[in-house]
Amino acid sequence: MADQIEIACIVLLHGIYLIMGMVIAKLMQASKLNKAFLFLTVVFSLVLTLKNGIQDIFTYSALIFSSFI
């Protein structure tokens, strides 16, 4: 049960990252290539977090936030 809650929280957090990133990209009038890069970065982070566990989430979160710049 705890594993399911952890997975749900990880997926929810990455969903929030994706929504927040798309809103920022829209406000900055980013190109489609930048939006695609952001989407792929979030998906890559999600896959790595699910594979390696929650302890590495801050590393992957930093990767996402660096793609906003």
PDB file of N, CA and C in Angstrom:
ATOM      1  N   MET A   1       0.819  -1.200   0.000  1.00  0.00           N
ATOM      2  CA  MET A   1       0.000   0.000   0.000  1.00  0.00           C
ATOM      3  C   MET A   1       0.862   1.263   0.000  1.00  0.00           C
ATOM      4  N   ALA A   2       1.940   1.240   0.787  1.00  0.00           N
ATOM      5  CA  ALA A   2       2.816   2.412   0.859  1.00  0.00           C
ATOM      6  C   ALA A   2       3.495   2.671  -0.483  1.00  0.00           C
ATOM      7  N   ASP A   3       3.831   1.588  -1.199  1.00  0.00           N
ATOM      8  CA  ASP A   3       4.450   1.759  -2.515  1.00  0.00           C
ATOM      9  C   ASP A   3       3.493   2.429  -3.489  1.00  0.00           C
ATOM     10  N   GLN A   4       2.226   2.084  -3.416  1.00  0.00           N
ATOM     11  CA  GLN A   4       1.236   2.698  -4.304  1.00  0.00           C
ATOM     12  C   GLN A   4       1.068   4.180  -3.991  1.00  0.00           C
ATOM     13  N   ILE A   5       1.094   4.531  -2.721  1.00  0.00           N
ATOM     14  CA  ILE A   5       0.980   5.941  -2.327  1.00  0.00           C
ATOM     15  C   ILE A   5       2.206   6.712  -2.795  1.00  0.00           C
ATOM     16  N   GLU A   6       3.385   6.117  -2.652  1.00  0.00           N
ATOM     17  CA  GLU A   6       4.617   6.767  -3.104  1.00  0.00           C
ATOM     18  C   GLU A   6       4.585   6.996  -4.615  1.00  0.00           C
ATOM     19  N   ILE A   7       4.176   5.998  -5.366  1.00  0.00           N
ATOM     20  CA  ILE A   7       4.089   6.135  -6.825  1.00  0.00           C
ATOM     21  C   ILE A   7       3.070   7.198  -7.204  1.00  0.00           C
ATOM     22  N   ALA A   8       1.928   7.209  -6.530  1.00  0.00           N
ATOM     23  CA  ALA A   8       0.906   8.218  -6.821  1.00  0.00           C
ATOM     24  C   ALA A   8       1.428   9.626  -6.539  1.00  0.00           C
ATOM     25  N   CYS A   9       2.152   9.789  -5.444  1.00  0.00           N
ATOM     26  CA  CYS A   9       2.722  11.108  -5.112  1.00  0.00           C
ATOM     27  C   CYS A   9       3.770  11.536  -6.130  1.00  0.00           C
ATOM     28  N   ILE A  10       4.591  10.606  -6.575  1.00  0.00           N
ATOM     29  CA  ILE A  10       5.611  10.916  -7.580  1.00  0.00           C
ATOM     30  C   ILE A  10       4.955  11.351  -8.884  1.00  0.00           C
ATOM     31  N   VAL A  11       3.956  10.616  -9.323  1.00  0.00           N
ATOM     32  CA  VAL A  11       3.260  10.954 -10.569  1.00  0.00           C
ATOM     33  C   VAL A  11       2.547  12.292 -10.432  1.00  0.00           C
ATOM     34  N   LEU A  12       1.900  12.533  -9.296  1.00  0.00           N
ATOM     35  CA  LEU A  12       1.211  13.803  -9.066  1.00  0.00           C
ATOM     36  C   LEU A  12       2.196  14.970  -9.083  1.00  0.00           C
ATOM     37  N   LEU A  13       3.331  14.811  -8.427  1.00  0.00           N
ATOM     38  CA  LEU A  13       4.339  15.865  -8.399  1.00  0.00           C
ATOM     39  C   LEU A  13       4.855  16.177  -9.802  1.00  0.00           C
ATOM     40  N   HIS A  14       5.095  15.158 -10.598  1.00  0.00           N
ATOM     41  CA  HIS A  14       5.569  15.391 -11.960  1.00  0.00           C
ATOM     42  C   HIS A  14       4.468  15.997 -12.832  1.00  0.00           C
ATOM     43  N   GLY A  15       3.222  15.661 -12.557  1.00  0.00           N
ATOM     44  CA  GLY A  15       2.118  16.318 -13.260  1.00  0.00           C
ATOM     45  C   GLY A  15       2.076  17.807 -12.950  1.00  0.00           C
ATOM     46  N   ILE A  16       2.305  18.146 -11.690  1.00  0.00           N
ATOM     47  CA  ILE A  16       2.353  19.563 -11.293  1.00  0.00           C
ATOM     48  C   ILE A  16       3.528  20.256 -11.978  1.00  0.00           C
ATOM     49  N   TYR A  17       4.686  19.584 -12.017  1.00  0.00           N
ATOM     50  CA  TYR A  17       5.846  20.150 -12.717  1.00  0.00           C
ATOM     51  C   TYR A  17       5.506  20.436 -14.177  1.00  0.00           C
ATOM     52  N   LEU A  18       4.841  19.490 -14.817  1.00  0.00           N
ATOM     53  CA  LEU A  18       4.519  19.646 -16.230  1.00  0.00           C
ATOM     54  C   LEU A  18       3.549  20.798 -16.452  1.00  0.00           C
ATOM     55  N   ILE A  19       2.509  20.880 -15.638  1.00  0.00           N
ATOM     56  CA  ILE A  19       1.535  21.974 -15.767  1.00  0.00           C
ATOM     57  C   ILE A  19       2.205  23.315 -15.506  1.00  0.00           C
ATOM     58  N   MET A  20       2.991  23.385 -14.438  1.00  0.00           N
ATOM     59  CA  MET A  20       3.675  24.629 -14.109  1.00  0.00           C
ATOM     60  C   MET A  20       4.639  25.028 -15.227  1.00  0.00           C
ATOM     61  N   GLY A  21       5.361  24.068 -15.760  1.00  0.00           N
ATOM     62  CA  GLY A  21       6.294  24.342 -16.846  1.00  0.00           C
ATOM     63  C   GLY A  21       5.599  24.830 -18.099  1.00  0.00           C
ATOM     64  N   MET A  22       4.460  24.237 -18.421  1.00  0.00           N
ATOM     65  CA  MET A  22       3.727  24.662 -19.615  1.00  0.00           C
ATOM     66  C   MET A  22       3.140  26.064 -19.434  1.00  0.00           C
ATOM     67  N   VAL A  23       2.707  26.385 -18.226  1.00  0.00           N
ATOM     68  CA  VAL A  23       2.206  27.741 -17.961  1.00  0.00           C
ATOM     69  C   VAL A  23       3.338  28.755 -18.107  1.00  0.00           C
ATOM     70  N   ILE A  24       4.494  28.437 -17.545  1.00  0.00           N
ATOM     71  CA  ILE A  24       5.644  29.337 -17.674  1.00  0.00           C
ATOM     72  C   ILE A  24       6.049  29.472 -19.140  1.00  0.00           C
ATOM     73  N   ALA A  25       6.055  28.360 -19.866  1.00  0.00           N
ATOM     74  CA  ALA A  25       6.416  28.403 -21.286  1.00  0.00           C
ATOM     75  C   ALA A  25       5.421  29.244 -22.077  1.00  0.00           C
ATOM     76  N   LYS A  26       4.150  29.145 -21.722  1.00  0.00           N
ATOM     77  CA  LYS A  26       3.122  29.946 -22.398  1.00  0.00           C
ATOM     78  C   LYS A  26       3.323  31.432 -22.106  1.00  0.00           C
ATOM     79  N   LEU A  27       3.608  31.772 -20.855  1.00  0.00           N
ATOM     80  CA  LEU A  27       3.829  33.170 -20.489  1.00  0.00           C
ATOM     81  C   LEU A  27       5.076  33.742 -21.162  1.00  0.00           C
ATOM     82  N   MET A  28       6.073  32.893 -21.360  1.00  0.00           N
ATOM     83  CA  MET A  28       7.311  33.347 -21.997  1.00  0.00           C
ATOM     84  C   MET A  28       7.241  33.245 -23.520  1.00  0.00           C
ATOM     85  N   GLN A  29       6.120  32.763 -24.029  1.00  0.00           N
ATOM     86  CA  GLN A  29       5.919  32.561 -25.464  1.00  0.00           C
ATOM     87  C   GLN A  29       7.041  31.701 -26.048  1.00  0.00           C
ATOM     88  N   ALA A  30       7.266  30.573 -25.410  1.00  0.00           N
ATOM     89  CA  ALA A  30       8.328  29.655 -25.822  1.00  0.00           C
ATOM     90  C   ALA A  30       7.945  28.943 -27.116  1.00  0.00           C
ATOM     91  N   SER A  31       8.954  28.499 -27.829  1.00  0.00           N
ATOM     92  CA  SER A  31       8.714  27.786 -29.083  1.00  0.00           C
ATOM     93  C   SER A  31       8.232  26.363 -28.788  1.00  0.00           C
ATOM     94  N   LYS A  32       7.744  25.706 -29.828  1.00  0.00           N
ATOM     95  CA  LYS A  32       7.282  24.328 -29.674  1.00  0.00           C
ATOM     96  C   LYS A  32       8.439  23.401 -29.307  1.00  0.00           C
ATOM     97  N   LEU A  33       9.618  23.717 -29.801  1.00  0.00           N
ATOM     98  CA  LEU A  33      10.791  22.909 -29.473  1.00  0.00           C
ATOM     99  C   LEU A  33      11.116  22.998 -27.984  1.00  0.00           C
ATOM    100  N   ASN A  34      11.031  24.184 -27.414  1.00  0.00           N
ATOM    101  CA  ASN A  34      11.276  24.350 -25.978  1.00  0.00           C
ATOM    102  C   ASN A  34      10.228  23.618 -25.155  1.00  0.00           C
ATOM    103  N   LYS A  35       8.964  23.675 -25.588  1.00  0.00           N
ATOM    104  CA  LYS A  35       7.900  22.959 -24.875  1.00  0.00           C
ATOM    105  C   LYS A  35       8.114  21.451 -24.965  1.00  0.00           C
ATOM    106  N   ALA A  36       8.538  20.978 -26.132  1.00  0.00           N
ATOM    107  CA  ALA A  36       8.808  19.550 -26.296  1.00  0.00           C
ATOM    108  C   ALA A  36       9.968  19.112 -25.406  1.00  0.00           C
ATOM    109  N   PHE A  37      11.006  19.951 -25.322  1.00  0.00           N
ATOM    110  CA  PHE A  37      12.144  19.647 -24.454  1.00  0.00           C
ATOM    111  C   PHE A  37      11.705  19.575 -22.996  1.00  0.00           C
ATOM    112  N   LEU A  38      10.863  20.504 -22.578  1.00  0.00           N
ATOM    113  CA  LEU A  38      10.352  20.495 -21.207  1.00  0.00           C
ATOM    114  C   LEU A  38       9.556  19.219 -20.943  1.00  0.00           C
ATOM    115  N   PHE A  39       8.678  18.854 -21.865  1.00  0.00           N
ATOM    116  CA  PHE A  39       7.868  17.649 -21.716  1.00  0.00           C
ATOM    117  C   PHE A  39       8.759  16.410 -21.604  1.00  0.00           C
ATOM    118  N   LEU A  40       9.742  16.300 -22.483  1.00  0.00           N
ATOM    119  CA  LEU A  40      10.639  15.143 -22.444  1.00  0.00           C
ATOM    120  C   LEU A  40      11.468  15.112 -21.165  1.00  0.00           C
ATOM    121  N   THR A  41      11.853  16.279 -20.670  1.00  0.00           N
ATOM    122  CA  THR A  41      12.610  16.339 -19.417  1.00  0.00           C
ATOM    123  C   THR A  41      11.769  15.840 -18.247  1.00  0.00           C
ATOM    124  N   VAL A  42      10.500  16.240 -18.198  1.00  0.00           N
ATOM    125  CA  VAL A  42       9.613  15.790 -17.118  1.00  0.00           C
ATOM    126  C   VAL A  42       9.381  14.284 -17.221  1.00  0.00           C
ATOM    127  N   VAL A  43       9.153  13.785 -18.419  1.00  0.00           N
ATOM    128  CA  VAL A  43       8.940  12.344 -18.593  1.00  0.00           C
ATOM    129  C   VAL A  43      10.203  11.568 -18.202  1.00  0.00           C
ATOM    130  N   PHE A  44      11.366  12.058 -18.630  1.00  0.00           N
ATOM    131  CA  PHE A  44      12.641  11.423 -18.279  1.00  0.00           C
ATOM    132  C   PHE A  44      12.833  11.404 -16.764  1.00  0.00           C
ATOM    133  N   SER A  45      12.532  12.513 -16.122  1.00  0.00           N
ATOM    134  CA  SER A  45      12.647  12.599 -14.668  1.00  0.00           C
ATOM    135  C   SER A  45      11.691  11.625 -13.981  1.00  0.00           C
ATOM    136  N   LEU A  46      10.467  11.539 -14.498  1.00  0.00           N
ATOM    137  CA  LEU A  46       9.478  10.619 -13.928  1.00  0.00           C
ATOM    138  C   LEU A  46       9.960   9.176 -14.032  1.00  0.00           C
ATOM    139  N   VAL A  47      10.452   8.800 -15.187  1.00  0.00           N
ATOM    140  CA  VAL A  47      10.937   7.431 -15.383  1.00  0.00           C
ATOM    141  C   VAL A  47      12.108   7.131 -14.449  1.00  0.00           C
ATOM    142  N   LEU A  48      13.058   8.058 -14.362  1.00  0.00           N
ATOM    143  CA  LEU A  48      14.212   7.836 -13.484  1.00  0.00           C
ATOM    144  C   LEU A  48      13.806   7.785 -12.015  1.00  0.00           C
ATOM    145  N   THR A  49      12.866   8.629 -11.616  1.00  0.00           N
ATOM    146  CA  THR A  49      12.418   8.623 -10.221  1.00  0.00           C
ATOM    147  C   THR A  49      11.705   7.317  -9.891  1.00  0.00           C
ATOM    148  N   LEU A  50      10.867   6.834 -10.798  1.00  0.00           N
ATOM    149  CA  LEU A  50      10.178   5.565 -10.551  1.00  0.00           C
ATOM    150  C   LEU A  50      11.163   4.397 -10.547  1.00  0.00           C
ATOM    151  N   LYS A  51      12.198   4.483 -11.364  1.00  0.00           N
ATOM    152  CA  LYS A  51      13.188   3.405 -11.435  1.00  0.00           C
ATOM    153  C   LYS A  51      14.105   3.399 -10.217  1.00  0.00           C
ATOM    154  N   ASN A  52      14.587   4.575  -9.818  1.00  0.00           N
ATOM    155  CA  ASN A  52      15.604   4.658  -8.765  1.00  0.00           C
ATOM    156  C   ASN A  52      15.047   4.950  -7.380  1.00  0.00           C
ATOM    157  N   GLY A  53      13.797   5.323  -7.294  1.00  0.00           N
ATOM    158  CA  GLY A  53      13.197   5.590  -5.996  1.00  0.00           C
ATOM    159  C   GLY A  53      13.134   7.067  -5.665  1.00  0.00           C
ATOM    160  N   ILE A  54      12.402   7.357  -4.619  1.00  0.00           N
ATOM    161  CA  ILE A  54      12.102   8.743  -4.243  1.00  0.00           C
ATOM    162  C   ILE A  54      13.336   9.487  -3.743  1.00  0.00           C
ATOM    163  N   GLN A  55      14.377   8.783  -3.299  1.00  0.00           N
ATOM    164  CA  GLN A  55      15.539   9.463  -2.716  1.00  0.00           C
ATOM    165  C   GLN A  55      16.257  10.346  -3.727  1.00  0.00           C
ATOM    166  N   ASP A  56      16.099  10.103  -5.019  1.00  0.00           N
ATOM    167  CA  ASP A  56      16.764  10.906  -6.044  1.00  0.00           C
ATOM    168  C   ASP A  56      15.862  11.977  -6.643  1.00  0.00           C
ATOM    169  N   ILE A  57      14.691  12.203  -6.073  1.00  0.00           N
ATOM    170  CA  ILE A  57      13.728  13.112  -6.691  1.00  0.00           C
ATOM    171  C   ILE A  57      14.240  14.552  -6.739  1.00  0.00           C
ATOM    172  N   PHE A  58      15.038  14.962  -5.759  1.00  0.00           N
ATOM    173  CA  PHE A  58      15.524  16.344  -5.769  1.00  0.00           C
ATOM    174  C   PHE A  58      16.525  16.568  -6.901  1.00  0.00           C
ATOM    175  N   THR A  59      17.305  15.559  -7.216  1.00  0.00           N
ATOM    176  CA  THR A  59      18.232  15.659  -8.347  1.00  0.00           C
ATOM    177  C   THR A  59      17.460  15.834  -9.642  1.00  0.00           C
ATOM    178  N   TYR A  60      16.418  15.038  -9.820  1.00  0.00           N
ATOM    179  CA  TYR A  60      15.648  15.107 -11.060  1.00  0.00           C
ATOM    180  C   TYR A  60      14.783  16.363 -11.099  1.00  0.00           C
ATOM    181  N   SER A  61      14.341  16.824  -9.944  1.00  0.00           N
ATOM    182  CA  SER A  61      13.587  18.077  -9.891  1.00  0.00           C
ATOM    183  C   SER A  61      14.468  19.244 -10.317  1.00  0.00           C
ATOM    184  N   ALA A  62      15.731  19.215  -9.912  1.00  0.00           N
ATOM    185  CA  ALA A  62      16.667  20.260 -10.337  1.00  0.00           C
ATOM    186  C   ALA A  62      16.856  20.229 -11.845  1.00  0.00           C
ATOM    187  N   LEU A  63      16.859  19.042 -12.421  1.00  0.00           N
ATOM    188  CA  LEU A  63      16.959  18.908 -13.872  1.00  0.00           C
ATOM    189  C   LEU A  63      15.768  19.571 -14.556  1.00  0.00           C
ATOM    190  N   ILE A  64      14.582  19.371 -14.021  1.00  0.00           N
ATOM    191  CA  ILE A  64      13.379  19.980 -14.599  1.00  0.00           C
ATOM    192  C   ILE A  64      13.449  21.493 -14.490  1.00  0.00           C
ATOM    193  N   PHE A  65      13.784  21.991 -13.303  1.00  0.00           N
ATOM    194  CA  PHE A  65      13.798  23.444 -13.117  1.00  0.00           C
ATOM    195  C   PHE A  65      14.894  24.109 -13.943  1.00  0.00           C
ATOM    196  N   SER A  66      15.995  23.402 -14.184  1.00  0.00           N
ATOM    197  CA  SER A  66      17.030  23.984 -15.043  1.00  0.00           C
ATOM    198  C   SER A  66      16.562  24.058 -16.486  1.00  0.00           C
ATOM    199  N   SER A  67      15.630  23.206 -16.876  1.00  0.00           N
ATOM    200  CA  SER A  67      15.111  23.274 -18.247  1.00  0.00           C
ATOM    201  C   SER A  67      14.153  24.446 -18.426  1.00  0.00           C
ATOM    202  N   PHE A  68      13.650  25.023 -17.334  1.00  0.00           N
ATOM    203  CA  PHE A  68      12.782  26.202 -17.432  1.00  0.00           C
ATOM    204  C   PHE A  68      13.558  27.427 -17.895  1.00  0.00           C
ATOM    205  N   ILE A  69      14.842  27.443 -17.610  1.00  0.00           N
ATOM    206  CA  ILE A  69      15.653  28.638 -17.887  1.00  0.00           C
ATOM    207  C   ILE A  69      15.981  28.740 -19.362  1.00  0.00           C
TER     208      ILE A  69
END
